[in-house]
Amino acid sequence: MVDPTLIRGRIEAAIADAEAHVIDATGCGDHFAARVIAEAFAGRSPVERHRMVYAPLQDLLATGELHALQLETYTPAEWAGVSG
């Protein structure tokens, strides 16, 4: 069972300016949803953004500890437009 704070910490450590919000989507500790806001996403495609987020989680994905991660990725400007 993976703790959402572990996932958040890894994402934020790997993407220097990232602000990650991670929740356990099912309560089972293996399916999560994350919203990641980072200036580092500017100019990157959705696929590139997802690769950036998944990179520090590869070991958890490989073992099956992390089975699914639903992602929303935004730059700060994009998030300001969505949230505000």
PDB file of N, CA and C in Angstrom:
ATOM      1  N   MET A   1       0.843  -1.179   0.000  1.00  0.00           N
ATOM      2  CA  MET A   1       0.000   0.000   0.000  1.00  0.00           C
ATOM      3  C   MET A   1       0.887   1.240   0.000  1.00  0.00           C
ATOM      4  N   VAL A   2       0.649   2.129  -0.959  1.00  0.00           N
ATOM      5  CA  VAL A   2       1.445   3.340  -1.123  1.00  0.00           C
ATOM      6  C   VAL A   2       0.706   4.520  -0.475  1.00  0.00           C
ATOM      7  N   ASP A   3       1.459   5.372   0.181  1.00  0.00           N
ATOM      8  CA  ASP A   3       0.897   6.569   0.799  1.00  0.00           C
ATOM      9  C   ASP A   3       0.947   7.714  -0.219  1.00  0.00           C
ATOM     10  N   PRO A   4      -0.117   8.491  -0.334  1.00  0.00           N
ATOM     11  CA  PRO A   4      -0.114   9.601  -1.292  1.00  0.00           C
ATOM     12  C   PRO A   4       1.012  10.607  -1.052  1.00  0.00           C
ATOM     13  N   THR A   5       1.458  10.752   0.189  1.00  0.00           N
ATOM     14  CA  THR A   5       2.542  11.701   0.462  1.00  0.00           C
ATOM     15  C   THR A   5       3.856  11.245  -0.159  1.00  0.00           C
ATOM     16  N   LEU A   6       4.048   9.939  -0.294  1.00  0.00           N
ATOM     17  CA  LEU A   6       5.242   9.417  -0.966  1.00  0.00           C
ATOM     18  C   LEU A   6       5.225   9.818  -2.434  1.00  0.00           C
ATOM     19  N   ILE A   7       4.090   9.635  -3.077  1.00  0.00           N
ATOM     20  CA  ILE A   7       3.968   9.988  -4.498  1.00  0.00           C
ATOM     21  C   ILE A   7       4.181  11.489  -4.670  1.00  0.00           C
ATOM     22  N   ARG A   8       3.510  12.289  -3.844  1.00  0.00           N
ATOM     23  CA  ARG A   8       3.657  13.741  -3.919  1.00  0.00           C
ATOM     24  C   ARG A   8       5.118  14.156  -3.737  1.00  0.00           C
ATOM     25  N   GLY A   9       5.776  13.591  -2.751  1.00  0.00           N
ATOM     26  CA  GLY A   9       7.166  13.940  -2.484  1.00  0.00           C
ATOM     27  C   GLY A   9       8.090  13.609  -3.630  1.00  0.00           C
ATOM     28  N   ARG A  10       7.877  12.469  -4.242  1.00  0.00           N
ATOM     29  CA  ARG A  10       8.726  12.085  -5.376  1.00  0.00           C
ATOM     30  C   ARG A  10       8.518  12.999  -6.579  1.00  0.00           C
ATOM     31  N   ILE A  11       7.269  13.332  -6.846  1.00  0.00           N
ATOM     32  CA  ILE A  11       6.981  14.225  -7.973  1.00  0.00           C
ATOM     33  C   ILE A  11       7.600  15.593  -7.721  1.00  0.00           C
ATOM     34  N   GLU A  12       7.390  16.126  -6.539  1.00  0.00           N
ATOM     35  CA  GLU A  12       7.909  17.456  -6.225  1.00  0.00           C
ATOM     36  C   GLU A  12       9.433  17.486  -6.188  1.00  0.00           C
ATOM     37  N   ALA A  13      10.068  16.391  -5.814  1.00  0.00           N
ATOM     38  CA  ALA A  13      11.530  16.327  -5.817  1.00  0.00           C
ATOM     39  C   ALA A  13      12.081  16.231  -7.236  1.00  0.00           C
ATOM     40  N   ALA A  14      11.356  15.574  -8.130  1.00  0.00           N
ATOM     41  CA  ALA A  14      11.832  15.366  -9.494  1.00  0.00           C
ATOM     42  C   ALA A  14      11.584  16.568 -10.403  1.00  0.00           C
ATOM     43  N   ILE A  15      10.523  17.316 -10.121  1.00  0.00           N
ATOM     44  CA  ILE A  15      10.181  18.488 -10.926  1.00  0.00           C
ATOM     45  C   ILE A  15      10.303  19.680  -9.983  1.00  0.00           C
ATOM     46  N   ALA A  16      11.395  20.416 -10.113  1.00  0.00           N
ATOM     47  CA  ALA A  16      11.822  21.396  -9.112  1.00  0.00           C
ATOM     48  C   ALA A  16      10.736  22.352  -8.647  1.00  0.00           C
ATOM     49  N   ASP A  17       9.934  22.860  -9.538  1.00  0.00           N
ATOM     50  CA  ASP A  17       8.954  23.870  -9.143  1.00  0.00           C
ATOM     51  C   ASP A  17       7.541  23.308  -9.011  1.00  0.00           C
ATOM     52  N   ALA A  18       7.417  22.012  -8.938  1.00  0.00           N
ATOM     53  CA  ALA A  18       6.092  21.373  -8.956  1.00  0.00           C
ATOM     54  C   ALA A  18       5.356  21.528  -7.635  1.00  0.00           C
ATOM     55  N   GLU A  19       4.047  21.666  -7.776  1.00  0.00           N
ATOM     56  CA  GLU A  19       3.127  21.585  -6.650  1.00  0.00           C
ATOM     57  C   GLU A  19       2.178  20.440  -6.985  1.00  0.00           C
ATOM     58  N   ALA A  20       2.269  19.364  -6.231  1.00  0.00           N
ATOM     59  CA  ALA A  20       1.477  18.171  -6.520  1.00  0.00           C
ATOM     60  C   ALA A  20       0.421  17.953  -5.447  1.00  0.00           C
ATOM     61  N   HIS A  21      -0.768  17.605  -5.891  1.00  0.00           N
ATOM     62  CA  HIS A  21      -1.878  17.253  -5.008  1.00  0.00           C
ATOM     63  C   HIS A  21      -2.260  15.825  -5.380  1.00  0.00           C
ATOM     64  N   VAL A  22      -2.115  14.906  -4.442  1.00  0.00           N
ATOM     65  CA  VAL A  22      -2.333  13.485  -4.722  1.00  0.00           C
ATOM     66  C   VAL A  22      -3.364  12.934  -3.746  1.00  0.00           C
ATOM     67  N   ILE A  23      -4.328  12.192  -4.289  1.00  0.00           N
ATOM     68  CA  ILE A  23      -5.324  11.533  -3.446  1.00  0.00           C
ATOM     69  C   ILE A  23      -5.395  10.052  -3.802  1.00  0.00           C
ATOM     70  N   ASP A  24      -5.748   9.255  -2.824  1.00  0.00           N
ATOM     71  CA  ASP A  24      -6.006   7.835  -3.035  1.00  0.00           C
ATOM     72  C   ASP A  24      -7.417   7.743  -3.612  1.00  0.00           C
ATOM     73  N   ALA A  25      -7.524   7.393  -4.878  1.00  0.00           N
ATOM     74  CA  ALA A  25      -8.800   7.445  -5.592  1.00  0.00           C
ATOM     75  C   ALA A  25      -9.786   6.365  -5.167  1.00  0.00           C
ATOM     76  N   THR A  26      -9.289   5.242  -4.650  1.00  0.00           N
ATOM     77  CA  THR A  26     -10.183   4.128  -4.313  1.00  0.00           C
ATOM     78  C   THR A  26     -10.128   3.723  -2.850  1.00  0.00           C
ATOM     79  N   GLY A  27      -9.145   4.242  -2.113  1.00  0.00           N
ATOM     80  CA  GLY A  27      -8.980   3.854  -0.717  1.00  0.00           C
ATOM     81  C   GLY A  27      -8.206   2.563  -0.537  1.00  0.00           C
ATOM     82  N   CYS A  28      -7.703   2.014  -1.630  1.00  0.00           N
ATOM     83  CA  CYS A  28      -6.966   0.742  -1.579  1.00  0.00           C
ATOM     84  C   CYS A  28      -5.449   0.918  -1.593  1.00  0.00           C
ATOM     85  N   GLY A  29      -4.971   2.145  -1.784  1.00  0.00           N
ATOM     86  CA  GLY A  29      -3.535   2.393  -1.758  1.00  0.00           C
ATOM     87  C   GLY A  29      -2.788   2.010  -3.003  1.00  0.00           C
ATOM     88  N   ASP A  30      -3.493   1.817  -4.134  1.00  0.00           N
ATOM     89  CA  ASP A  30      -2.782   1.516  -5.379  1.00  0.00           C
ATOM     90  C   ASP A  30      -3.325   2.268  -6.590  1.00  0.00           C
ATOM     91  N   HIS A  31      -4.428   2.978  -6.442  1.00  0.00           N
ATOM     92  CA  HIS A  31      -5.015   3.799  -7.500  1.00  0.00           C
ATOM     93  C   HIS A  31      -5.092   5.245  -6.992  1.00  0.00           C
ATOM     94  N   PHE A  32      -4.416   6.141  -7.697  1.00  0.00           N
ATOM     95  CA  PHE A  32      -4.332   7.516  -7.239  1.00  0.00           C
ATOM     96  C   PHE A  32      -4.725   8.487  -8.335  1.00  0.00           C
ATOM     97  N   ALA A  33      -5.057   9.693  -7.925  1.00  0.00           N
ATOM     98  CA  ALA A  33      -5.287  10.803  -8.844  1.00  0.00           C
ATOM     99  C   ALA A  33      -4.379  11.935  -8.399  1.00  0.00           C
ATOM    100  N   ALA A  34      -3.746  12.586  -9.368  1.00  0.00           N
ATOM    101  CA  ALA A  34      -2.820  13.666  -9.045  1.00  0.00           C
ATOM    102  C   ALA A  34      -3.054  14.856  -9.967  1.00  0.00           C
ATOM    103  N   ARG A  35      -2.979  16.036  -9.353  1.00  0.00           N
ATOM    104  CA  ARG A  35      -2.955  17.276 -10.119  1.00  0.00           C
ATOM    105  C   ARG A  35      -1.575  17.874  -9.850  1.00  0.00           C
ATOM    106  N   VAL A  36      -0.837  18.128 -10.924  1.00  0.00           N
ATOM    107  CA  VAL A  36       0.516  18.652 -10.784  1.00  0.00           C
ATOM    108  C   VAL A  36       0.593  19.973 -11.546  1.00  0.00           C
ATOM    109  N   ILE A  37       1.043  21.000 -10.843  1.00  0.00           N
ATOM    110  CA  ILE A  37       1.182  22.332 -11.415  1.00  0.00           C
ATOM    111  C   ILE A  37       2.666  22.674 -11.395  1.00  0.00           C
ATOM    112  N   ALA A  38       3.215  22.984 -12.571  1.00  0.00           N
ATOM    113  CA  ALA A  38       4.646  23.277 -12.638  1.00  0.00           C
ATOM    114  C   ALA A  38       4.956  24.135 -13.856  1.00  0.00           C
ATOM    115  N   GLU A  39       5.780  25.136 -13.665  1.00  0.00           N
ATOM    116  CA  GLU A  39       6.236  25.959 -14.794  1.00  0.00           C
ATOM    117  C   GLU A  39       7.039  25.112 -15.776  1.00  0.00           C
ATOM    118  N   ALA A  40       7.653  24.039 -15.285  1.00  0.00           N
ATOM    119  CA  ALA A  40       8.444  23.148 -16.142  1.00  0.00           C
ATOM    120  C   ALA A  40       7.606  22.504 -17.251  1.00  0.00           C
ATOM    121  N   PHE A  41       6.291  22.534 -17.140  1.00  0.00           N
ATOM    122  CA  PHE A  41       5.421  21.966 -18.167  1.00  0.00           C
ATOM    123  C   PHE A  41       5.225  22.896 -19.365  1.00  0.00           C
ATOM    124  N   ALA A  42       5.631  24.137 -19.235  1.00  0.00           N
ATOM    125  CA  ALA A  42       5.432  25.107 -20.311  1.00  0.00           C
ATOM    126  C   ALA A  42       6.083  24.615 -21.603  1.00  0.00           C
ATOM    127  N   GLY A  43       5.311  24.648 -22.682  1.00  0.00           N
ATOM    128  CA  GLY A  43       5.819  24.250 -23.983  1.00  0.00           C
ATOM    129  C   GLY A  43       5.922  22.751 -24.200  1.00  0.00           C
ATOM    130  N   ARG A  44       5.475  21.963 -23.245  1.00  0.00           N
ATOM    131  CA  ARG A  44       5.554  20.502 -23.366  1.00  0.00           C
ATOM    132  C   ARG A  44       4.182  19.927 -23.668  1.00  0.00           C
ATOM    133  N   SER A  45       4.190  18.855 -24.441  1.00  0.00           N
ATOM    134  CA  SER A  45       2.940  18.180 -24.796  1.00  0.00           C
ATOM    135  C   SER A  45       2.404  17.429 -23.577  1.00  0.00           C
ATOM    136  N   PRO A  46       1.127  17.042 -23.611  1.00  0.00           N
ATOM    137  CA  PRO A  46       0.590  16.234 -22.513  1.00  0.00           C
ATOM    138  C   PRO A  46       1.387  14.940 -22.286  1.00  0.00           C
ATOM    139  N   VAL A  47       1.824  14.295 -23.338  1.00  0.00           N
ATOM    140  CA  VAL A  47       2.607  13.060 -23.194  1.00  0.00           C
ATOM    141  C   VAL A  47       3.930  13.349 -22.491  1.00  0.00           C
ATOM    142  N   GLU A  48       4.603  14.429 -22.875  1.00  0.00           N
ATOM    143  CA  GLU A  48       5.868  14.785 -22.221  1.00  0.00           C
ATOM    144  C   GLU A  48       5.649  15.101 -20.739  1.00  0.00           C
ATOM    145  N   ARG A  49       4.579  15.798 -20.442  1.00  0.00           N
ATOM    146  CA  ARG A  49       4.271  16.133 -19.049  1.00  0.00           C
ATOM    147  C   ARG A  49       4.047  14.871 -18.228  1.00  0.00           C
ATOM    148  N   HIS A  50       3.290  13.938 -18.783  1.00  0.00           N
ATOM    149  CA  HIS A  50       3.020  12.690 -18.063  1.00  0.00           C
ATOM    150  C   HIS A  50       4.307  11.901 -17.857  1.00  0.00           C
ATOM    151  N   ARG A  51       5.163  11.876 -18.843  1.00  0.00           N
ATOM    152  CA  ARG A  51       6.451  11.181 -18.682  1.00  0.00           C
ATOM    153  C   ARG A  51       7.272  11.793 -17.554  1.00  0.00           C
ATOM    154  N   MET A  52       7.243  13.110 -17.451  1.00  0.00           N
ATOM    155  CA  MET A  52       7.974  13.783 -16.377  1.00  0.00           C
ATOM    156  C   MET A  52       7.455  13.359 -15.007  1.00  0.00           C
ATOM    157  N   VAL A  53       6.145  13.220 -14.898  1.00  0.00           N
ATOM    158  CA  VAL A  53       5.540  12.844 -13.618  1.00  0.00           C
ATOM    159  C   VAL A  53       5.780  11.369 -13.312  1.00  0.00           C
ATOM    160  N   TYR A  54       5.656  10.515 -14.317  1.00  0.00           N
ATOM    161  CA  TYR A  54       5.830   9.078 -14.103  1.00  0.00           C
ATOM    162  C   TYR A  54       7.286   8.681 -13.822  1.00  0.00           C
ATOM    163  N   ALA A  55       8.248   9.455 -14.315  1.00  0.00           N
ATOM    164  CA  ALA A  55       9.666   9.078 -14.194  1.00  0.00           C
ATOM    165  C   ALA A  55      10.087   8.730 -12.763  1.00  0.00           C
ATOM    166  N   PRO A  56       9.774   9.538 -11.755  1.00  0.00           N
ATOM    167  CA  PRO A  56      10.233   9.192 -10.401  1.00  0.00           C
ATOM    168  C   PRO A  56       9.405   8.101  -9.723  1.00  0.00           C
ATOM    169  N   LEU A  57       8.423   7.566 -10.434  1.00  0.00           N
ATOM    170  CA  LEU A  57       7.541   6.546  -9.852  1.00  0.00           C
ATOM    171  C   LEU A  57       7.721   5.185 -10.500  1.00  0.00           C
ATOM    172  N   GLN A  58       8.712   5.047 -11.363  1.00  0.00           N
ATOM    173  CA  GLN A  58       8.892   3.822 -12.143  1.00  0.00           C
ATOM    174  C   GLN A  58       9.031   2.567 -11.286  1.00  0.00           C
ATOM    175  N   ASP A  59       9.745   2.650 -10.174  1.00  0.00           N
ATOM    176  CA  ASP A  59       9.912   1.459  -9.343  1.00  0.00           C
ATOM    177  C   ASP A  59       8.586   1.005  -8.744  1.00  0.00           C
ATOM    178  N   LEU A  60       7.746   1.950  -8.334  1.00  0.00           N
ATOM    179  CA  LEU A  60       6.438   1.600  -7.768  1.00  0.00           C
ATOM    180  C   LEU A  60       5.513   1.013  -8.828  1.00  0.00           C
ATOM    181  N   LEU A  61       5.610   1.536 -10.040  1.00  0.00           N
ATOM    182  CA  LEU A  61       4.816   1.000 -11.150  1.00  0.00           C
ATOM    183  C   LEU A  61       5.294  -0.396 -11.529  1.00  0.00           C
ATOM    184  N   ALA A  62       6.603  -0.592 -11.542  1.00  0.00           N
ATOM    185  CA  ALA A  62       7.175  -1.888 -11.939  1.00  0.00           C
ATOM    186  C   ALA A  62       6.782  -3.008 -10.978  1.00  0.00           C
ATOM    187  N   THR A  63       6.692  -2.685  -9.696  1.00  0.00           N
ATOM    188  CA  THR A  63       6.340  -3.712  -8.711  1.00  0.00           C
ATOM    189  C   THR A  63       4.832  -3.903  -8.582  1.00  0.00           C
ATOM    190  N   GLY A  64       4.062  -2.963  -9.151  1.00  0.00           N
ATOM    191  CA  GLY A  64       2.612  -3.043  -9.030  1.00  0.00           C
ATOM    192  C   GLY A  64       2.077  -2.385  -7.770  1.00  0.00           C
ATOM    193  N   GLU A  65       2.972  -1.855  -6.929  1.00  0.00           N
ATOM    194  CA  GLU A  65       2.512  -1.152  -5.730  1.00  0.00           C
ATOM    195  C   GLU A  65       1.635   0.037  -6.121  1.00  0.00           C
ATOM    196  N   LEU A  66       2.029   0.699  -7.191  1.00  0.00           N
ATOM    197  CA  LEU A  66       1.238   1.781  -7.772  1.00  0.00           C
ATOM    198  C   LEU A  66       0.661   1.223  -9.068  1.00  0.00           C
ATOM    199  N   HIS A  67      -0.630   0.990  -9.055  1.00  0.00           N
ATOM    200  CA  HIS A  67      -1.272   0.352 -10.206  1.00  0.00           C
ATOM    201  C   HIS A  67      -1.776   1.373 -11.214  1.00  0.00           C
ATOM    202  N   ALA A  68      -2.313   2.488 -10.740  1.00  0.00           N
ATOM    203  CA  ALA A  68      -2.880   3.484 -11.647  1.00  0.00           C
ATOM    204  C   ALA A  68      -2.700   4.880 -11.068  1.00  0.00           C
ATOM    205  N   LEU A  69      -2.438   5.829 -11.973  1.00  0.00           N
ATOM    206  CA  LEU A  69      -2.297   7.221 -11.582  1.00  0.00           C
ATOM    207  C   LEU A  69      -2.982   8.083 -12.631  1.00  0.00           C
ATOM    208  N   GLN A  70      -4.103   8.656 -12.260  1.00  0.00           N
ATOM    209  CA  GLN A  70      -4.825   9.579 -13.134  1.00  0.00           C
ATOM    210  C   GLN A  70      -4.174  10.946 -12.984  1.00  0.00           C
ATOM    211  N   LEU A  71      -3.795  11.565 -14.088  1.00  0.00           N
ATOM    212  CA  LEU A  71      -3.050  12.821 -14.018  1.00  0.00           C
ATOM    213  C   LEU A  71      -3.778  13.990 -14.657  1.00  0.00           C
ATOM    214  N   GLU A  72      -3.651  15.131 -14.014  1.00  0.00           N
ATOM    215  CA  GLU A  72      -3.970  16.428 -14.593  1.00  0.00           C
ATOM    216  C   GLU A  72      -2.703  17.248 -14.434  1.00  0.00           C
ATOM    217  N   THR A  73      -2.208  17.827 -15.526  1.00  0.00           N
ATOM    218  CA  THR A  73      -0.988  18.617 -15.463  1.00  0.00           C
ATOM    219  C   THR A  73      -1.254  20.010 -16.025  1.00  0.00           C
ATOM    220  N   TYR A  74      -0.740  21.016 -15.322  1.00  0.00           N
ATOM    221  CA  TYR A  74      -0.959  22.404 -15.701  1.00  0.00           C
ATOM    222  C   TYR A  74       0.296  23.223 -15.442  1.00  0.00           C
ATOM    223  N   THR A  75       0.494  24.268 -16.232  1.00  0.00           N
ATOM    224  CA  THR A  75       1.432  25.310 -15.848  1.00  0.00           C
ATOM    225  C   THR A  75       0.682  26.195 -14.850  1.00  0.00           C
ATOM    226  N   PRO A  76       1.391  27.037 -14.103  1.00  0.00           N
ATOM    227  CA  PRO A  76       0.673  27.939 -13.188  1.00  0.00           C
ATOM    228  C   PRO A  76      -0.342  28.830 -13.919  1.00  0.00           C
ATOM    229  N   ALA A  77      -0.005  29.309 -15.106  1.00  0.00           N
ATOM    230  CA  ALA A  77      -0.936  30.151 -15.864  1.00  0.00           C
ATOM    231  C   ALA A  77      -2.166  29.374 -16.295  1.00  0.00           C
ATOM    232  N   GLU A  78      -1.960  28.137 -16.734  1.00  0.00           N
ATOM    233  CA  GLU A  78      -3.100  27.293 -17.122  1.00  0.00           C
ATOM    234  C   GLU A  78      -3.995  27.024 -15.914  1.00  0.00           C
ATOM    235  N   TRP A  79      -3.388  26.734 -14.773  1.00  0.00           N
ATOM    236  CA  TRP A  79      -4.160  26.448 -13.569  1.00  0.00           C
ATOM    237  C   TRP A  79      -4.956  27.680 -13.129  1.00  0.00           C
ATOM    238  N   ALA A  80      -4.358  28.862 -13.239  1.00  0.00           N
ATOM    239  CA  ALA A  80      -5.065  30.085 -12.871  1.00  0.00           C
ATOM    240  C   ALA A  80      -6.308  30.255 -13.745  1.00  0.00           C
ATOM    241  N   GLY A  81      -6.228  29.871 -14.996  1.00  0.00           N
ATOM    242  CA  GLY A  81      -7.375  29.951 -15.893  1.00  0.00           C
ATOM    243  C   GLY A  81      -8.454  28.941 -15.584  1.00  0.00           C
ATOM    244  N   VAL A  82      -8.055  27.779 -15.099  1.00  0.00           N
ATOM    245  CA  VAL A  82      -9.002  26.707 -14.778  1.00  0.00           C
ATOM    246  C   VAL A  82      -9.643  26.944 -13.417  1.00  0.00           C
ATOM    247  N   SER A  83      -8.845  27.322 -12.452  1.00  0.00           N
ATOM    248  CA  SER A  83      -9.315  27.399 -11.066  1.00  0.00           C
ATOM    249  C   SER A  83      -9.961  28.736 -10.711  1.00  0.00           C
ATOM    250  N   GLY A  84      -9.745  29.723 -11.564  1.00  0.00           N
ATOM    251  CA  GLY A  84     -10.148  30.975 -11.079  1.00  0.00           C
ATOM    252  C   GLY A  84     -11.094  31.814 -11.751  1.00  0.00           C
TER     253      GLY A  84
END
